[in-house]
N, C-alpha and C. Protein backbone atom coordinates (compact mmCIF):
# COMPACT_ATOMS: atom_id res chain seq x y z
N MET A 1 42.32 24.38 56.20
CA MET A 1 42.67 23.31 54.93
C MET A 1 40.92 23.45 54.94
N VAL A 2 40.31 23.44 53.12
CA VAL A 2 39.64 22.89 53.29
C VAL A 2 39.01 22.09 51.85
N THR A 3 38.12 21.45 52.03
CA THR A 3 38.08 19.95 51.38
C THR A 3 37.05 19.99 50.89
N ALA A 4 36.75 19.34 49.62
CA ALA A 4 35.42 19.01 49.14
C ALA A 4 34.90 17.61 49.14
N SER A 5 33.76 17.05 49.51
CA SER A 5 33.15 16.38 49.41
C SER A 5 31.64 15.87 49.72
N ALA A 6 30.73 15.03 49.70
CA ALA A 6 29.96 15.45 50.40
C ALA A 6 29.62 14.66 51.46
N VAL A 7 28.73 14.37 52.12
CA VAL A 7 28.94 14.03 53.73
C VAL A 7 27.28 14.25 54.43
N LEU A 8 26.55 13.17 54.60
CA LEU A 8 25.50 13.28 54.94
C LEU A 8 26.06 12.62 56.90
N LEU A 9 24.99 13.88 57.64
CA LEU A 9 25.98 14.06 59.12
C LEU A 9 24.33 13.03 59.66
N GLY A 10 24.91 11.68 60.75
CA GLY A 10 24.20 11.32 61.14
C GLY A 10 23.64 11.70 62.74
N GLY A 11 22.56 11.78 62.52
CA GLY A 11 21.65 12.99 63.71
C GLY A 11 21.29 14.68 63.23
N ALA A 12 22.03 14.55 62.49
CA ALA A 12 21.63 15.98 62.03
C ALA A 12 20.54 16.27 60.48
N PRO A 13 19.60 17.32 60.12
CA PRO A 13 19.08 16.73 59.12
C PRO A 13 19.52 16.64 58.11
N ALA A 14 19.29 15.83 57.15
CA ALA A 14 19.61 15.87 55.72
C ALA A 14 20.03 16.93 54.79
N ALA A 15 21.60 17.09 54.32
CA ALA A 15 21.86 17.54 53.38
C ALA A 15 22.41 17.78 51.91
N HIS A 16 21.09 18.21 51.08
CA HIS A 16 21.94 17.71 50.09
C HIS A 16 22.95 18.39 48.59
N ALA A 17 23.71 18.54 48.52
CA ALA A 17 24.51 20.03 47.68
C ALA A 17 24.86 19.93 47.10
N ILE A 18 24.33 20.45 46.05
CA ILE A 18 24.47 20.70 44.63
C ILE A 18 25.73 20.20 44.06
N ASN A 19 26.42 20.77 44.96
CA ASN A 19 28.35 21.48 44.31
C ASN A 19 28.98 20.45 45.18
N GLY A 20 28.69 19.68 46.01
CA GLY A 20 29.67 19.54 46.95
C GLY A 20 29.85 20.78 48.47
N ASP A 21 30.38 19.96 48.85
CA ASP A 21 30.27 20.70 50.70
C ASP A 21 31.58 21.04 50.99
N THR A 22 31.81 22.22 51.63
CA THR A 22 32.60 22.65 51.76
C THR A 22 33.43 22.74 53.41
N HIS A 23 34.47 22.00 53.89
CA HIS A 23 34.47 21.60 55.32
C HIS A 23 35.14 22.62 55.67
N ILE A 24 36.07 23.32 56.90
CA ILE A 24 36.60 23.77 57.89
C ILE A 24 36.96 23.42 58.65
N THR A 25 37.80 22.51 59.14
CA THR A 25 38.74 22.00 59.88
C THR A 25 39.77 22.87 60.85
N GLY A 26 39.82 23.01 61.88
CA GLY A 26 40.96 24.02 62.90
C GLY A 26 41.11 24.93 63.51
N GLN A 27 41.14 25.91 64.03
CA GLN A 27 41.85 26.28 65.22
C GLN A 27 42.22 28.01 64.27
N GLY A 28 41.33 29.00 64.40
CA GLY A 28 41.47 30.42 64.36
C GLY A 28 42.09 30.75 62.88
N VAL A 29 41.27 29.61 61.92
CA VAL A 29 41.20 30.14 60.67
C VAL A 29 40.16 31.27 60.19
N VAL A 30 41.03 32.17 59.33
CA VAL A 30 39.93 33.13 58.95
C VAL A 30 40.13 33.13 57.63
N GLN A 31 38.79 32.46 56.96
CA GLN A 31 38.59 32.66 54.82
C GLN A 31 37.27 33.03 55.50
N THR A 32 36.77 34.02 53.65
CA THR A 32 36.39 34.34 52.99
C THR A 32 36.17 32.96 51.83
N LEU A 33 34.56 32.65 51.61
CA LEU A 33 35.05 31.00 50.22
C LEU A 33 33.43 31.59 49.96
N ASP A 34 32.72 30.64 48.73
CA ASP A 34 31.42 30.69 48.17
C ASP A 34 31.15 29.84 48.18
N CYS A 35 30.31 29.45 49.29
CA CYS A 35 28.92 27.87 49.15
C CYS A 35 29.12 27.60 48.49
N ASN A 36 28.74 28.53 46.81
CA ASN A 36 28.15 27.54 45.54
C ASN A 36 27.06 26.50 45.86
N ASN A 37 26.09 26.81 46.23
CA ASN A 37 25.01 25.59 46.96
C ASN A 37 25.68 25.12 47.84
N GLY A 38 26.20 24.48 48.29
CA GLY A 38 26.99 23.09 48.92
C GLY A 38 26.20 23.29 50.77
N THR A 39 26.87 22.67 51.41
CA THR A 39 26.78 23.14 52.60
C THR A 39 27.86 23.47 53.45
N LEU A 40 28.18 23.85 54.12
CA LEU A 40 29.01 24.66 55.09
C LEU A 40 28.81 23.86 56.30
N HIS A 41 30.73 23.06 57.13
CA HIS A 41 30.89 22.57 57.35
C HIS A 41 31.82 23.17 58.36
N VAL A 42 31.37 23.71 59.48
CA VAL A 42 32.93 24.00 60.01
C VAL A 42 33.25 23.42 61.65
N ASN A 43 34.24 22.96 61.18
CA ASN A 43 34.49 22.38 63.23
C ASN A 43 36.33 22.57 63.76
N GLY A 44 36.11 22.88 64.86
CA GLY A 44 37.80 23.57 65.44
C GLY A 44 37.00 24.63 66.48
N THR A 45 37.39 25.41 66.76
CA THR A 45 38.26 26.95 67.35
C THR A 45 37.97 27.76 67.07
N ALA A 46 37.49 29.31 67.24
CA ALA A 46 37.70 30.22 67.40
C ALA A 46 37.94 30.74 64.84
N ASN A 47 37.12 29.87 64.78
CA ASN A 47 37.07 30.34 63.52
C ASN A 47 36.81 30.93 62.97
N GLN A 48 36.76 32.09 62.27
CA GLN A 48 35.98 32.90 61.28
C GLN A 48 35.98 32.54 59.64
N ILE A 49 34.38 32.48 60.04
CA ILE A 49 34.61 32.23 58.01
C ILE A 49 32.87 33.18 57.79
N ASN A 50 33.84 33.61 56.87
CA ASN A 50 32.84 34.65 55.85
C ASN A 50 31.72 33.93 54.49
N ALA A 51 31.06 33.41 54.48
CA ALA A 51 30.20 32.34 53.73
C ALA A 51 29.96 33.16 52.30
N LEU A 52 30.30 33.78 51.72
CA LEU A 52 29.16 34.09 49.90
C LEU A 52 28.42 33.66 49.55
N GLY A 53 27.53 33.99 48.83
CA GLY A 53 26.50 33.29 47.96
C GLY A 53 25.03 32.75 49.00
N THR A 54 25.26 31.58 48.36
CA THR A 54 24.11 30.58 48.78
C THR A 54 24.72 29.47 49.31
N CYS A 55 23.95 29.52 50.45
CA CYS A 55 24.91 27.85 51.69
C CYS A 55 23.44 26.98 51.59
N TRP A 56 23.32 25.77 51.67
CA TRP A 56 22.06 24.88 51.53
C TRP A 56 22.40 24.71 52.56
N ALA A 57 23.30 25.02 53.19
CA ALA A 57 23.10 24.23 55.37
C ALA A 57 24.03 24.79 56.13
N VAL A 58 24.25 25.35 56.67
CA VAL A 58 25.40 25.52 57.60
C VAL A 58 25.16 25.06 59.29
N THR A 59 27.28 24.13 58.90
CA THR A 59 26.58 23.02 60.04
C THR A 59 28.13 23.49 60.89
N VAL A 60 28.29 23.36 62.91
CA VAL A 60 29.45 24.18 63.47
C VAL A 60 28.78 23.77 64.63
N GLN A 61 30.52 23.02 64.28
CA GLN A 61 30.92 22.06 65.69
C GLN A 61 32.14 22.16 67.04
N GLY A 62 32.25 22.39 67.50
CA GLY A 62 33.57 23.16 68.55
C GLY A 62 33.00 24.26 69.53
N SER A 63 34.47 25.03 69.56
CA SER A 63 33.62 26.58 70.37
C SER A 63 33.95 27.87 69.92
N SER A 64 33.61 28.09 70.18
CA SER A 64 34.00 30.01 69.90
C SER A 64 34.62 30.00 67.80
N ASN A 65 33.58 29.82 67.58
CA ASN A 65 33.26 29.93 66.14
C ASN A 65 32.78 30.67 65.77
N VAL A 66 33.08 31.89 64.61
CA VAL A 66 32.39 32.60 64.04
C VAL A 66 31.95 32.59 62.53
N ILE A 67 30.61 32.40 62.20
CA ILE A 67 30.26 32.43 60.73
C ILE A 67 29.70 33.54 60.25
N VAL A 68 29.55 33.62 59.31
CA VAL A 68 28.76 34.97 58.56
C VAL A 68 27.91 34.59 57.30
N ALA A 69 26.98 34.26 57.24
CA ALA A 69 26.35 33.32 55.96
C ALA A 69 25.77 34.22 54.89
N ASP A 70 25.72 34.73 53.82
CA ASP A 70 25.29 36.06 52.82
C ASP A 70 23.35 34.81 52.56
N ASN A 71 23.21 33.95 52.40
CA ASN A 71 22.49 32.79 52.55
C ASN A 71 22.55 31.46 52.41
N VAL A 72 21.45 30.80 53.72
CA VAL A 72 21.06 30.03 54.05
C VAL A 72 20.30 29.24 53.33
N ILE A 73 19.50 27.99 52.87
CA ILE A 73 18.82 28.15 52.55
C ILE A 73 17.67 26.98 53.44
N ASN A 74 18.04 25.27 53.93
CA ASN A 74 17.28 24.91 54.28
C ASN A 74 17.95 24.69 56.65
N ASP A 75 19.42 24.96 56.41
CA ASP A 75 18.98 24.69 57.92
C ASP A 75 20.35 25.23 58.58
N ILE A 76 20.33 25.50 59.52
CA ILE A 76 22.29 25.44 60.78
C ILE A 76 21.66 24.94 61.41
N THR A 77 22.75 23.94 62.07
CA THR A 77 22.84 22.80 63.29
C THR A 77 23.97 23.57 63.37
N VAL A 78 24.65 23.69 64.93
CA VAL A 78 25.21 23.67 65.67
C VAL A 78 24.83 23.44 66.69
N TYR A 79 26.89 22.90 67.25
CA TYR A 79 27.00 21.79 68.23
C TYR A 79 28.14 22.97 68.96
N GLY A 80 28.48 22.04 70.13
CA GLY A 80 29.68 22.66 71.11
C GLY A 80 28.38 24.94 71.37
N TRP A 81 29.67 25.18 72.05
CA TRP A 81 29.51 26.98 73.13
C TRP A 81 29.88 27.43 72.58
N ASP A 82 29.43 28.77 73.33
CA ASP A 82 30.18 29.63 72.41
C ASP A 82 30.75 29.88 70.87
N GLN A 83 29.25 29.13 69.87
CA GLN A 83 29.55 29.78 68.67
C GLN A 83 27.59 31.03 67.66
N THR A 84 28.76 31.29 67.55
CA THR A 84 27.87 32.44 66.46
C THR A 84 27.69 32.31 65.12
N VAL A 85 26.43 32.06 64.37
CA VAL A 85 25.85 31.85 63.08
C VAL A 85 25.12 33.18 62.80
N LEU A 86 25.79 33.63 62.09
CA LEU A 86 24.83 35.04 61.74
C LEU A 86 24.46 35.14 60.59
N TYR A 87 23.23 34.87 59.75
CA TYR A 87 22.80 34.76 58.73
C TYR A 87 21.44 36.20 57.72
N LYS A 88 22.50 36.14 56.36
CA LYS A 88 21.67 37.82 56.16
C LYS A 88 20.09 37.26 55.37
N ASN A 89 20.12 36.26 54.66
CA ASN A 89 18.74 36.05 53.43
C ASN A 89 18.23 34.28 54.00
N GLY A 90 17.40 34.27 53.75
CA GLY A 90 17.27 32.67 53.78
C GLY A 90 16.00 32.77 54.73
N ALA A 91 15.53 31.46 55.08
CA ALA A 91 14.95 30.97 56.65
C ALA A 91 15.05 29.78 57.22
N PRO A 92 16.36 29.45 57.12
CA PRO A 92 16.41 28.30 57.46
C PRO A 92 16.21 28.14 58.48
N ILE A 93 16.35 26.19 58.64
CA ILE A 93 15.02 25.78 60.53
C ILE A 93 16.45 25.79 60.76
N VAL A 94 16.14 26.33 62.03
CA VAL A 94 17.44 26.87 63.11
C VAL A 94 18.11 25.37 64.49
N TRP A 95 18.36 24.72 64.29
CA TRP A 95 18.55 23.80 65.96
C TRP A 95 20.19 23.88 66.35
N ASP A 96 20.23 24.70 67.30
CA ASP A 96 20.81 24.67 68.09
C ASP A 96 21.01 24.64 69.51
N ARG A 97 21.68 22.43 69.00
CA ARG A 97 22.24 21.20 69.92
C ARG A 97 23.14 22.08 70.80
N GLY A 98 23.50 22.58 70.72
CA GLY A 98 24.35 23.41 72.54
C GLY A 98 23.58 23.31 73.10
N ARG A 99 22.67 25.21 72.30
CA ARG A 99 21.85 24.71 73.74
C ARG A 99 20.77 24.10 74.13
N GLU A 100 20.26 23.12 73.13
CA GLU A 100 19.95 21.43 74.20
C GLU A 100 20.23 21.72 75.34
N LEU A 101 21.60 22.02 75.27
CA LEU A 101 22.73 21.01 76.80
C LEU A 101 22.92 21.84 77.76
N GLY A 102 22.20 23.12 77.81
CA GLY A 102 22.76 24.37 78.43
C GLY A 102 24.14 25.45 78.06
N MET A 103 24.13 25.44 76.74
CA MET A 103 25.59 25.69 75.99
C MET A 103 25.37 26.98 75.92
N THR A 104 25.90 27.74 75.77
CA THR A 104 24.98 29.44 75.51
C THR A 104 25.49 29.43 73.91
N ASN A 105 24.88 29.56 72.73
CA ASN A 105 25.36 30.09 70.98
C ASN A 105 23.66 31.11 70.45
N ARG A 106 24.91 32.13 69.71
CA ARG A 106 24.23 32.60 68.90
C ARG A 106 23.89 32.61 67.63
N ILE A 107 21.94 32.70 66.82
CA ILE A 107 21.98 32.12 65.95
C ILE A 107 20.70 33.43 65.38
N ASN A 108 21.92 33.93 64.00
CA ASN A 108 20.31 35.41 64.15
C ASN A 108 20.30 35.80 63.12
N GLN A 109 19.43 36.30 62.47
CA GLN A 109 19.02 36.66 61.10
C GLN A 109 19.66 38.33 60.83
N VAL A 110 21.13 38.84 60.46
CA VAL A 110 21.00 39.86 60.38
C VAL A 110 20.54 40.88 58.71
N PRO A 111 20.09 41.96 59.34
CA PRO A 111 19.86 42.70 58.41
C PRO A 111 20.81 42.49 56.91
N ALA A 112 21.02 42.36 55.93
CA ALA A 112 21.62 42.33 54.17
C ALA A 112 22.56 43.15 54.10
């Protein structure tokens, strides 16, 4: 399920989207989408999201999600464990809340 709305998460870095945010919530969702300069929020388990274009930010909650983003401008915030966030371009602030609690996540820049 994909819905668009502007949301600020308490405790997370403020991310102000230009054209709205994209929310993916579920289990086993496989989707390719255009970030459209907004924030991508992924919540659930075993979701595989390919984010094209530019994302203002990426926020992930749950476990075993895989997100590949073309470009992230502001920040990547990851909660939970066994999360993978790969980004091709940008210099976002990386905030791995799961690792702070001893959980293993992978957040890396990869070649475009």
